[in-house]
């Protein structure tokens, strides 16, 4: 809803102000100028980025426009999934094989559809539980491996927003390009005996290209690039949460404390309190359907 409101405000103020100033919309409707500018921008994006970056850009733009964000329910499912996986691992890491080898078919993972709907997060979880199951690894080693992986993920996920930002910065230049071509066409009409009114109309049409370039730069592409950066930051904070849970668990802490360590990295606006987390885990333990769910320790060193 918020992106739609933002788009409405931009369009209403820019074009509404133009109309209030005595302008007419048909004057700035120049499809040829629009074709030149958008075509040049699209071509530059395709030329300057590999296919996997283009695919990720489309995915992030879709998320930015639909305002798909991780809310409290997503955090609940993520933390409870990690808790269940740690409880399962308490019976031996080999017990995880049935879940991490085929998470889409795992009854445990199927209880948390919002996590299943995030391919990168799902891959990060199962891949690192596999790493833990393959052999003994201490907390320091695991933290180093995960830090390097997160750095690589951060670099890859930020590439689409950086590319879109560069195109946004180039849009005024593309607008000038279209305007110059329009001026060339206007000058050609002079030799054809065109009147001053016709020449003025063509010059005005050419100047629309500059307007379109500036409008798309500051009113469309730059804000979208900023939203994409925020979505990447949110996604990385989720991966950081998983990393801290795993490292804390490997260091020997009980599942409840490991999950609480991850909870502390959740964004402030959706971070559950420790009491809320305990309530979720208590409800999970009381449900008791499927899997080996041990009643969690209420406090470290206070087994029930």
C-alpha atoms as a PDB file:
ATOM      1  CA  UNK A   1       0.000   0.000   0.000  1.00  0.00           C
ATOM      2  CA  UNK A   2       2.772   2.466   0.911  1.00  0.00           C
ATOM      3  CA  UNK A   3       4.526   2.305  -2.520  1.00  0.00           C
ATOM      4  CA  UNK A   4       1.200   2.949  -4.239  1.00  0.00           C
ATOM      5  CA  UNK A   5       0.619   5.972  -1.996  1.00  0.00           C
ATOM      6  CA  UNK A   6       4.112   7.252  -2.786  1.00  0.00           C
ATOM      7  CA  UNK A   7       3.595   6.868  -6.537  1.00  0.00           C
ATOM      8  CA  UNK A   8       0.255   8.650  -6.284  1.00  0.00           C
ATOM      9  CA  UNK A   9       1.829  11.571  -4.394  1.00  0.00           C
ATOM     10  CA  UNK A  10       4.611  11.955  -6.973  1.00  0.00           C
ATOM     11  CA  UNK A  11       2.243  11.860  -9.951  1.00  0.00           C
ATOM     12  CA  UNK A  12      -0.391  14.063  -8.316  1.00  0.00           C
ATOM     13  CA  UNK A  13       2.038  16.797  -7.279  1.00  0.00           C
ATOM     14  CA  UNK A  14       4.113  16.879 -10.475  1.00  0.00           C
ATOM     15  CA  UNK A  15       1.353  16.647 -13.049  1.00  0.00           C
ATOM     16  CA  UNK A  16      -1.238  18.329 -10.835  1.00  0.00           C
ATOM     17  CA  UNK A  17       1.066  21.302 -10.426  1.00  0.00           C
ATOM     18  CA  UNK A  18       1.603  21.401 -14.180  1.00  0.00           C
ATOM     19  CA  UNK A  19      -2.151  21.488 -14.765  1.00  0.00           C
ATOM     20  CA  UNK A  20      -2.674  24.166 -12.105  1.00  0.00           C
ATOM     21  CA  UNK A  21      -0.052  26.260 -13.828  1.00  0.00           C
ATOM     22  CA  UNK A  22      -2.135  26.251 -17.000  1.00  0.00           C
ATOM     23  CA  UNK A  23      -0.459  23.341 -18.782  1.00  0.00           C
ATOM     24  CA  UNK A  24      -2.175  20.636 -20.802  1.00  0.00           C
ATOM     25  CA  UNK A  25      -1.261  16.955 -20.470  1.00  0.00           C
ATOM     26  CA  UNK A  26      -1.334  16.322 -24.210  1.00  0.00           C
ATOM     27  CA  UNK A  27       1.576  18.757 -24.570  1.00  0.00           C
ATOM     28  CA  UNK A  28       3.920  16.519 -22.558  1.00  0.00           C
ATOM     29  CA  UNK A  29       2.668  13.253 -24.052  1.00  0.00           C
ATOM     30  CA  UNK A  30       5.532  12.463 -26.417  1.00  0.00           C
ATOM     31  CA  UNK A  31       5.654   8.692 -27.032  1.00  0.00           C
ATOM     32  CA  UNK A  32       8.724   8.921 -29.288  1.00  0.00           C
ATOM     33  CA  UNK A  33      10.747  10.709 -26.597  1.00  0.00           C
ATOM     34  CA  UNK A  34       9.519   8.182 -24.046  1.00  0.00           C
ATOM     35  CA  UNK A  35      10.505   5.298 -26.316  1.00  0.00           C
ATOM     36  CA  UNK A  36      14.021   6.678 -26.829  1.00  0.00           C
ATOM     37  CA  UNK A  37      14.653   7.248 -23.122  1.00  0.00           C
ATOM     38  CA  UNK A  38      13.151   4.040 -21.710  1.00  0.00           C
ATOM     39  CA  UNK A  39      14.632   1.974 -24.529  1.00  0.00           C
ATOM     40  CA  UNK A  40      18.119   3.380 -23.908  1.00  0.00           C
ATOM     41  CA  UNK A  41      17.773   2.752 -20.152  1.00  0.00           C
ATOM     42  CA  UNK A  42      16.538  -0.813 -20.625  1.00  0.00           C
ATOM     43  CA  UNK A  43      19.307  -1.536 -23.126  1.00  0.00           C
ATOM     44  CA  UNK A  44      21.926  -0.151 -20.740  1.00  0.00           C
ATOM     45  CA  UNK A  45      20.640  -2.378 -17.930  1.00  0.00           C
ATOM     46  CA  UNK A  46      20.756  -5.483 -20.131  1.00  0.00           C
ATOM     47  CA  UNK A  47      24.178  -4.552 -21.505  1.00  0.00           C
ATOM     48  CA  UNK A  48      25.765  -3.830 -18.140  1.00  0.00           C
ATOM     49  CA  UNK A  49      24.532  -6.780 -16.049  1.00  0.00           C
ATOM     50  CA  UNK A  50      24.774 -10.579 -16.271  1.00  0.00           C
ATOM     51  CA  UNK A  51      21.610 -12.641 -16.403  1.00  0.00           C
ATOM     52  CA  UNK A  52      21.573 -13.646 -12.730  1.00  0.00           C
ATOM     53  CA  UNK A  53      21.771  -9.971 -11.679  1.00  0.00           C
ATOM     54  CA  UNK A  54      18.874  -9.120 -14.021  1.00  0.00           C
ATOM     55  CA  UNK A  55      16.793 -11.958 -12.560  1.00  0.00           C
ATOM     56  CA  UNK A  56      17.529 -10.789  -9.017  1.00  0.00           C
ATOM     57  CA  UNK A  57      16.694  -7.205 -10.015  1.00  0.00           C
ATOM     58  CA  UNK A  58      13.279  -8.274 -11.312  1.00  0.00           C
ATOM     59  CA  UNK A  59      12.646 -10.218  -8.094  1.00  0.00           C
ATOM     60  CA  UNK A  60      13.644  -7.298  -5.867  1.00  0.00           C
ATOM     61  CA  UNK A  61      11.591  -4.823  -7.907  1.00  0.00           C
ATOM     62  CA  UNK A  62       8.554  -7.065  -7.523  1.00  0.00           C
ATOM     63  CA  UNK A  63       9.076  -7.163  -3.767  1.00  0.00           C
ATOM     64  CA  UNK A  64       9.610  -3.394  -3.644  1.00  0.00           C
ATOM     65  CA  UNK A  65       6.403  -2.642  -5.532  1.00  0.00           C
ATOM     66  CA  UNK A  66       4.272  -5.129  -3.612  1.00  0.00           C
ATOM     67  CA  UNK A  67       5.871  -3.969  -0.308  1.00  0.00           C
ATOM     68  CA  UNK A  68       6.467  -7.561   0.749  1.00  0.00           C
ATOM     69  CA  UNK A  69       8.114  -7.359   4.158  1.00  0.00           C
ATOM     70  CA  UNK A  70       8.976  -9.727   6.971  1.00  0.00           C
ATOM     71  CA  UNK A  71       6.469  -9.192   9.757  1.00  0.00           C
ATOM     72  CA  UNK A  72       6.005 -10.625  13.219  1.00  0.00           C
ATOM     73  CA  UNK A  73       4.436 -13.844  11.924  1.00  0.00           C
ATOM     74  CA  UNK A  74       7.459 -14.477   9.707  1.00  0.00           C
ATOM     75  CA  UNK A  75       9.803 -13.966  12.670  1.00  0.00           C
ATOM     76  CA  UNK A  76       7.693 -16.317  14.783  1.00  0.00           C
ATOM     77  CA  UNK A  77       7.898 -19.044  12.167  1.00  0.00           C
ATOM     78  CA  UNK A  78      11.633 -18.561  11.656  1.00  0.00           C
ATOM     79  CA  UNK A  79      12.511 -18.682  15.359  1.00  0.00           C
ATOM     80  CA  UNK A  80      10.281 -21.686  16.012  1.00  0.00           C
ATOM     81  CA  UNK A  81      11.688 -23.531  13.003  1.00  0.00           C
ATOM     82  CA  UNK A  82      15.219 -22.947  14.266  1.00  0.00           C
ATOM     83  CA  UNK A  83      14.162 -24.094  17.738  1.00  0.00           C
ATOM     84  CA  UNK A  84      12.684 -27.315  16.380  1.00  0.00           C
ATOM     85  CA  UNK A  85      15.780 -27.987  14.284  1.00  0.00           C
ATOM     86  CA  UNK A  86      18.021 -27.475  17.326  1.00  0.00           C
ATOM     87  CA  UNK A  87      15.815 -29.771  19.397  1.00  0.00           C
ATOM     88  CA  UNK A  88      16.050 -32.388  16.659  1.00  0.00           C
ATOM     89  CA  UNK A  89      19.828 -31.960  16.512  1.00  0.00           C
ATOM     90  CA  UNK A  90      19.983 -32.632  20.271  1.00  0.00           C
ATOM     91  CA  UNK A  91      19.210 -36.258  19.452  1.00  0.00           C
ATOM     92  CA  UNK A  92      22.177 -36.377  17.072  1.00  0.00           C
ATOM     93  CA  UNK A  93      22.926 -34.292  14.008  1.00  0.00           C
ATOM     94  CA  UNK A  94      22.202 -37.284  11.792  1.00  0.00           C
ATOM     95  CA  UNK A  95      18.563 -36.976  12.868  1.00  0.00           C
ATOM     96  CA  UNK A  96      18.434 -33.777  10.797  1.00  0.00           C
ATOM     97  CA  UNK A  97      19.149 -35.563   7.521  1.00  0.00           C
ATOM     98  CA  UNK A  98      15.508 -36.361   6.814  1.00  0.00           C
ATOM     99  CA  UNK A  99      14.653 -32.669   7.106  1.00  0.00           C
ATOM    100  CA  UNK A 100      17.595 -30.778   5.607  1.00  0.00           C
ATOM    101  CA  UNK A 101      18.078 -33.072   2.614  1.00  0.00           C
ATOM    102  CA  UNK A 102      14.548 -32.442   1.322  1.00  0.00           C
ATOM    103  CA  UNK A 103      13.029 -29.487   3.234  1.00  0.00           C
ATOM    104  CA  UNK A 104      10.103 -29.110   0.829  1.00  0.00           C
ATOM    105  CA  UNK A 105       8.963 -32.637   1.733  1.00  0.00           C
ATOM    106  CA  UNK A 106       9.772 -32.361   5.436  1.00  0.00           C
ATOM    107  CA  UNK A 107       6.752 -32.231   7.755  1.00  0.00           C
ATOM    108  CA  UNK A 108       8.796 -30.038  10.088  1.00  0.00           C
ATOM    109  CA  UNK A 109       9.529 -27.409   7.442  1.00  0.00           C
ATOM    110  CA  UNK A 110       5.991 -27.569   6.072  1.00  0.00           C
ATOM    111  CA  UNK A 111       4.709 -26.210   9.381  1.00  0.00           C
ATOM    112  CA  UNK A 112       6.497 -22.944   8.523  1.00  0.00           C
ATOM    113  CA  UNK A 113       5.336 -21.938   5.008  1.00  0.00           C
ATOM    114  CA  UNK A 114       6.638 -18.355   5.212  1.00  0.00           C
ATOM    115  CA  UNK A 115      10.183 -19.652   5.627  1.00  0.00           C
ATOM    116  CA  UNK A 116       9.698 -22.186   2.838  1.00  0.00           C
ATOM    117  CA  UNK A 117       8.659 -19.297   0.572  1.00  0.00           C
ATOM    118  CA  UNK A 118      12.107 -17.674   0.981  1.00  0.00           C
ATOM    119  CA  UNK A 119      14.536 -19.733  -1.170  1.00  0.00           C
ATOM    120  CA  UNK A 120      17.739 -17.936  -0.121  1.00  0.00           C
ATOM    121  CA  UNK A 121      16.932 -18.176   3.577  1.00  0.00           C
ATOM    122  CA  UNK A 122      15.886 -21.812   3.260  1.00  0.00           C
ATOM    123  CA  UNK A 123      19.095 -22.677   1.433  1.00  0.00           C
ATOM    124  CA  UNK A 124      21.180 -20.875   4.061  1.00  0.00           C
ATOM    125  CA  UNK A 125      19.503 -22.808   6.889  1.00  0.00           C
ATOM    126  CA  UNK A 126      19.697 -26.300   5.408  1.00  0.00           C
ATOM    127  CA  UNK A 127      23.174 -25.798   3.956  1.00  0.00           C
ATOM    128  CA  UNK A 128      24.649 -24.838   7.315  1.00  0.00           C
ATOM    129  CA  UNK A 129      22.846 -27.556   9.226  1.00  0.00           C
ATOM    130  CA  UNK A 130      24.387 -29.965   6.722  1.00  0.00           C
ATOM    131  CA  UNK A 131      27.777 -28.413   7.494  1.00  0.00           C
ATOM    132  CA  UNK A 132      27.239 -29.035  11.192  1.00  0.00           C
ATOM    133  CA  UNK A 133      26.146 -32.624  10.529  1.00  0.00           C
ATOM    134  CA  UNK A 134      29.163 -33.444   8.346  1.00  0.00           C
ATOM    135  CA  UNK A 135      31.677 -33.233  11.148  1.00  0.00           C
ATOM    136  CA  UNK A 136      32.790 -31.510  14.326  1.00  0.00           C
ATOM    137  CA  UNK A 137      33.212 -27.772  13.918  1.00  0.00           C
ATOM    138  CA  UNK A 138      33.747 -25.339  16.762  1.00  0.00           C
ATOM    139  CA  UNK A 139      31.945 -22.044  17.205  1.00  0.00           C
ATOM    140  CA  UNK A 140      34.905 -19.918  16.079  1.00  0.00           C
ATOM    141  CA  UNK A 141      35.344 -21.866  12.852  1.00  0.00           C
ATOM    142  CA  UNK A 142      31.623 -21.822  12.110  1.00  0.00           C
ATOM    143  CA  UNK A 143      31.400 -18.082  12.731  1.00  0.00           C
ATOM    144  CA  UNK A 144      34.287 -17.445  10.334  1.00  0.00           C
ATOM    145  CA  UNK A 145      32.693 -19.555   7.598  1.00  0.00           C
ATOM    146  CA  UNK A 146      29.312 -17.881   8.001  1.00  0.00           C
ATOM    147  CA  UNK A 147      30.817 -14.381   8.036  1.00  0.00           C
ATOM    148  CA  UNK A 148      32.502 -15.031   4.691  1.00  0.00           C
ATOM    149  CA  UNK A 149      29.293 -16.461   3.252  1.00  0.00           C
ATOM    150  CA  UNK A 150      27.251 -13.477   4.412  1.00  0.00           C
ATOM    151  CA  UNK A 151      29.758 -11.063   2.895  1.00  0.00           C
ATOM    152  CA  UNK A 152      29.427 -12.835  -0.461  1.00  0.00           C
ATOM    153  CA  UNK A 153      25.618 -12.820  -0.211  1.00  0.00           C
ATOM    154  CA  UNK A 154      25.617  -9.123   0.728  1.00  0.00           C
ATOM    155  CA  UNK A 155      27.730  -8.246  -2.296  1.00  0.00           C
ATOM    156  CA  UNK A 156      25.548 -10.261  -4.673  1.00  0.00           C
ATOM    157  CA  UNK A 157      22.204  -9.010  -3.358  1.00  0.00           C
ATOM    158  CA  UNK A 158      23.303  -5.363  -3.462  1.00  0.00           C
ATOM    159  CA  UNK A 159      24.398  -5.523  -7.098  1.00  0.00           C
ATOM    160  CA  UNK A 160      20.861  -5.010  -8.557  1.00  0.00           C
ATOM    161  CA  UNK A 161      20.215  -1.868  -6.491  1.00  0.00           C
ATOM    162  CA  UNK A 162      23.626  -0.463  -7.408  1.00  0.00           C
ATOM    163  CA  UNK A 163      22.965  -1.117 -11.091  1.00  0.00           C
ATOM    164  CA  UNK A 164      19.536   0.505 -10.880  1.00  0.00           C
ATOM    165  CA  UNK A 165      21.073   3.485  -9.087  1.00  0.00           C
ATOM    166  CA  UNK A 166      23.563   3.950 -11.926  1.00  0.00           C
ATOM    167  CA  UNK A 167      20.733   3.868 -14.471  1.00  0.00           C
ATOM    168  CA  UNK A 168      18.808   6.403 -12.380  1.00  0.00           C
ATOM    169  CA  UNK A 169      21.818   8.714 -12.467  1.00  0.00           C
ATOM    170  CA  UNK A 170      22.020   8.250 -16.248  1.00  0.00           C
ATOM    171  CA  UNK A 171      18.357   9.047 -16.904  1.00  0.00           C
ATOM    172  CA  UNK A 172      18.838  12.851 -17.164  1.00  0.00           C
ATOM    173  CA  UNK A 173      21.561  12.117 -19.722  1.00  0.00           C
ATOM    174  CA  UNK A 174      19.200   9.916 -21.711  1.00  0.00           C
ATOM    175  CA  UNK A 175      16.648  12.731 -21.489  1.00  0.00           C
ATOM    176  CA  UNK A 176      19.173  15.166 -22.943  1.00  0.00           C
ATOM    177  CA  UNK A 177      19.946  12.635 -25.680  1.00  0.00           C
ATOM    178  CA  UNK A 178      16.266  12.503 -26.652  1.00  0.00           C
ATOM    179  CA  UNK A 179      16.036  16.314 -26.454  1.00  0.00           C
ATOM    180  CA  UNK A 180      19.036  16.757 -28.777  1.00  0.00           C
ATOM    181  CA  UNK A 181      17.485  14.403 -31.324  1.00  0.00           C
ATOM    182  CA  UNK A 182      14.250  16.381 -31.047  1.00  0.00           C
ATOM    183  CA  UNK A 183      16.111  19.663 -31.649  1.00  0.00           C
ATOM    184  CA  UNK A 184      17.803  18.147 -34.700  1.00  0.00           C
ATOM    185  CA  UNK A 185      14.407  17.232 -36.119  1.00  0.00           C
ATOM    186  CA  UNK A 186      13.098  20.702 -35.312  1.00  0.00           C
ATOM    187  CA  UNK A 187      16.010  22.353 -37.124  1.00  0.00           C
ATOM    188  CA  UNK A 188      15.432  20.157 -40.156  1.00  0.00           C
ATOM    189  CA  UNK A 189      11.922  21.543 -40.476  1.00  0.00           C
ATOM    190  CA  UNK A 190      13.344  25.034 -40.958  1.00  0.00           C
ATOM    191  CA  UNK A 191      14.832  24.065 -44.309  1.00  0.00           C
ATOM    192  CA  UNK A 192      11.503  22.532 -45.247  1.00  0.00           C
ATOM    193  CA  UNK A 193       9.828  25.903 -44.856  1.00  0.00           C
ATOM    194  CA  UNK A 194       8.046  25.214 -41.568  1.00  0.00           C
ATOM    195  CA  UNK A 195       6.487  28.140 -39.759  1.00  0.00           C
ATOM    196  CA  UNK A 196       7.608  29.469 -36.388  1.00  0.00           C
ATOM    197  CA  UNK A 197       4.631  27.867 -34.621  1.00  0.00           C
ATOM    198  CA  UNK A 198       5.495  24.396 -35.912  1.00  0.00           C
ATOM    199  CA  UNK A 199       9.177  24.842 -35.023  1.00  0.00           C
ATOM    200  CA  UNK A 200       8.265  26.011 -31.512  1.00  0.00           C
ATOM    201  CA  UNK A 201       6.011  22.954 -31.079  1.00  0.00           C
ATOM    202  CA  UNK A 202       8.833  20.585 -32.066  1.00  0.00           C
ATOM    203  CA  UNK A 203      11.325  22.331 -29.778  1.00  0.00           C
ATOM    204  CA  UNK A 204       8.857  22.054 -26.894  1.00  0.00           C
ATOM    205  CA  UNK A 205       8.389  18.351 -27.689  1.00  0.00           C
ATOM    206  CA  UNK A 206      12.168  17.916 -27.605  1.00  0.00           C
ATOM    207  CA  UNK A 207      12.386  19.558 -24.179  1.00  0.00           C
ATOM    208  CA  UNK A 208       9.878  17.011 -22.868  1.00  0.00           C
ATOM    209  CA  UNK A 209      12.679  14.454 -23.182  1.00  0.00           C
ATOM    210  CA  UNK A 210      14.706  16.313 -20.549  1.00  0.00           C
ATOM    211  CA  UNK A 211      11.668  16.365 -18.263  1.00  0.00           C
ATOM    212  CA  UNK A 212      11.076  12.620 -18.688  1.00  0.00           C
ATOM    213  CA  UNK A 213      14.701  11.817 -17.871  1.00  0.00           C
ATOM    214  CA  UNK A 214      14.723  13.927 -14.707  1.00  0.00           C
ATOM    215  CA  UNK A 215      11.299  12.633 -13.636  1.00  0.00           C
ATOM    216  CA  UNK A 216      12.301   8.980 -13.949  1.00  0.00           C
ATOM    217  CA  UNK A 217      15.609   9.627 -12.179  1.00  0.00           C
ATOM    218  CA  UNK A 218      14.353  11.369  -9.039  1.00  0.00           C
ATOM    219  CA  UNK A 219      10.703  10.333  -9.007  1.00  0.00           C
ATOM    220  CA  UNK A 220      10.866   6.636  -9.908  1.00  0.00           C
ATOM    221  CA  UNK A 221      14.198   4.818 -10.209  1.00  0.00           C
ATOM    222  CA  UNK A 222      16.119   6.428  -7.355  1.00  0.00           C
ATOM    223  CA  UNK A 223      13.354   5.722  -4.773  1.00  0.00           C
ATOM    224  CA  UNK A 224      13.001   2.136  -6.078  1.00  0.00           C
ATOM    225  CA  UNK A 225      16.745   1.628  -5.726  1.00  0.00           C
ATOM    226  CA  UNK A 226      16.559   2.838  -2.128  1.00  0.00           C
ATOM    227  CA  UNK A 227      13.680   0.445  -1.346  1.00  0.00           C
ATOM    228  CA  UNK A 228      15.679  -2.430  -2.834  1.00  0.00           C
ATOM    229  CA  UNK A 229      18.628  -1.584  -0.569  1.00  0.00           C
ATOM    230  CA  UNK A 230      16.336  -1.661   2.460  1.00  0.00           C
ATOM    231  CA  UNK A 231      14.886  -5.027   1.420  1.00  0.00           C
ATOM    232  CA  UNK A 232      18.397  -6.443   1.075  1.00  0.00           C
ATOM    233  CA  UNK A 233      19.292  -5.107   4.517  1.00  0.00           C
ATOM    234  CA  UNK A 234      16.191  -6.784   5.941  1.00  0.00           C
ATOM    235  CA  UNK A 235      17.025 -10.074   4.247  1.00  0.00           C
ATOM    236  CA  UNK A 236      20.586  -9.958   5.531  1.00  0.00           C
ATOM    237  CA  UNK A 237      19.417  -9.255   9.075  1.00  0.00           C
ATOM    238  CA  UNK A 238      17.370 -12.456   8.864  1.00  0.00           C
ATOM    239  CA  UNK A 239      20.436 -14.419   7.743  1.00  0.00           C
ATOM    240  CA  UNK A 240      22.449 -12.823  10.552  1.00  0.00           C
ATOM    241  CA  UNK A 241      19.778 -14.024  12.980  1.00  0.00           C
ATOM    242  CA  UNK A 242      20.198 -17.601  11.721  1.00  0.00           C
ATOM    243  CA  UNK A 243      23.993 -17.303  11.898  1.00  0.00           C
ATOM    244  CA  UNK A 244      23.940 -16.189  15.541  1.00  0.00           C
ATOM    245  CA  UNK A 245      21.555 -19.013  16.478  1.00  0.00           C
ATOM    246  CA  UNK A 246      23.850 -21.609  14.911  1.00  0.00           C
ATOM    247  CA  UNK A 247      27.056 -20.196  16.404  1.00  0.00           C
ATOM    248  CA  UNK A 248      25.495 -19.915  19.864  1.00  0.00           C
ATOM    249  CA  UNK A 249      24.236 -23.494  19.642  1.00  0.00           C
ATOM    250  CA  UNK A 250      27.625 -24.851  18.561  1.00  0.00           C
ATOM    251  CA  UNK A 251      29.263 -22.998  21.474  1.00  0.00           C
ATOM    252  CA  UNK A 252      27.254 -25.245  23.813  1.00  0.00           C
ATOM    253  CA  UNK A 253      24.308 -23.070  24.836  1.00  0.00           C
ATOM    254  CA  UNK A 254      20.821 -24.650  25.202  1.00  0.00           C
ATOM    255  CA  UNK A 255      18.293 -24.159  22.354  1.00  0.00           C
ATOM    256  CA  UNK A 256      16.281 -21.508  24.155  1.00  0.00           C
ATOM    257  CA  UNK A 257      19.328 -19.296  24.716  1.00  0.00           C
ATOM    258  CA  UNK A 258      20.498 -19.877  21.147  1.00  0.00           C
ATOM    259  CA  UNK A 259      17.128 -18.774  19.795  1.00  0.00           C
ATOM    260  CA  UNK A 260      17.106 -15.754  22.100  1.00  0.00           C
ATOM    261  CA  UNK A 261      20.537 -14.732  20.783  1.00  0.00           C
ATOM    262  CA  UNK A 262      19.067 -14.714  17.283  1.00  0.00           C
ATOM    263  CA  UNK A 263      15.977 -12.828  18.447  1.00  0.00           C
ATOM    264  CA  UNK A 264      18.169  -9.911  19.490  1.00  0.00           C
ATOM    265  CA  UNK A 265      19.169  -9.297  15.876  1.00  0.00           C
ATOM    266  CA  UNK A 266      15.594  -8.953  14.617  1.00  0.00           C
ATOM    267  CA  UNK A 267      14.639  -5.445  13.467  1.00  0.00           C
ATOM    268  CA  UNK A 268      13.342  -3.316  16.327  1.00  0.00           C
ATOM    269  CA  UNK A 269       9.904  -2.681  14.815  1.00  0.00           C
ATOM    270  CA  UNK A 270       9.105  -6.416  14.666  1.00  0.00           C
ATOM    271  CA  UNK A 271      11.402  -7.854  17.356  1.00  0.00           C
ATOM    272  CA  UNK A 272       9.439 -10.014  19.835  1.00  0.00           C
ATOM    273  CA  UNK A 273      10.182  -9.719  23.524  1.00  0.00           C
ATOM    274  CA  UNK A 274      11.811 -12.606  25.387  1.00  0.00           C
ATOM    275  CA  UNK A 275       8.490 -13.271  27.133  1.00  0.00           C
ATOM    276  CA  UNK A 276       6.749 -13.480  23.751  1.00  0.00           C
ATOM    277  CA  UNK A 277       9.396 -15.904  22.509  1.00  0.00           C
ATOM    278  CA  UNK A 278       8.909 -18.073  25.594  1.00  0.00           C
ATOM    279  CA  UNK A 279       5.166 -18.029  25.003  1.00  0.00           C
ATOM    280  CA  UNK A 280       5.633 -19.220  21.418  1.00  0.00           C
ATOM    281  CA  UNK A 281       7.916 -22.050  22.524  1.00  0.00           C
ATOM    282  CA  UNK A 282       5.569 -23.049  25.371  1.00  0.00           C
ATOM    283  CA  UNK A 283       2.665 -23.216  22.914  1.00  0.00           C
ATOM    284  CA  UNK A 284       4.804 -25.313  20.576  1.00  0.00           C
ATOM    285  CA  UNK A 285       5.726 -27.709  23.390  1.00  0.00           C
ATOM    286  CA  UNK A 286       2.113 -28.007  24.553  1.00  0.00           C
ATOM    287  CA  UNK A 287       0.916 -28.756  21.038  1.00  0.00           C
ATOM    288  CA  UNK A 288       3.250 -31.756  20.972  1.00  0.00           C
ATOM    289  CA  UNK A 289       2.195 -32.976  17.530  1.00  0.00           C
ATOM    290  CA  UNK A 290       4.952 -34.630  15.506  1.00  0.00           C
ATOM    291  CA  UNK A 291       8.668 -34.678  16.108  1.00  0.00           C
ATOM    292  CA  UNK A 292      10.653 -34.855  19.308  1.00  0.00           C
ATOM    293  CA  UNK A 293       9.842 -31.634  21.080  1.00  0.00           C
ATOM    294  CA  UNK A 294      11.402 -31.433  24.495  1.00  0.00           C
ATOM    295  CA  UNK A 295      10.067 -28.874  26.941  1.00  0.00           C
ATOM    296  CA  UNK A 296      12.557 -25.968  26.826  1.00  0.00           C
ATOM    297  CA  UNK A 297      14.531 -24.766  29.794  1.00  0.00           C
ATOM    298  CA  UNK A 298      12.891 -21.664  31.149  1.00  0.00           C
ATOM    299  CA  UNK A 299      16.277 -20.274  32.179  1.00  0.00           C
ATOM    300  CA  UNK A 300      19.826 -21.324  31.513  1.00  0.00           C
ATOM    301  CA  UNK A 301      20.925 -23.927  34.047  1.00  0.00           C
ATOM    302  CA  UNK A 302      17.357 -24.487  35.293  1.00  0.00           C
ATOM    303  CA  UNK A 303      16.241 -27.740  33.629  1.00  0.00           C
ATOM    304  CA  UNK A 304      12.710 -28.942  34.054  1.00  0.00           C
END
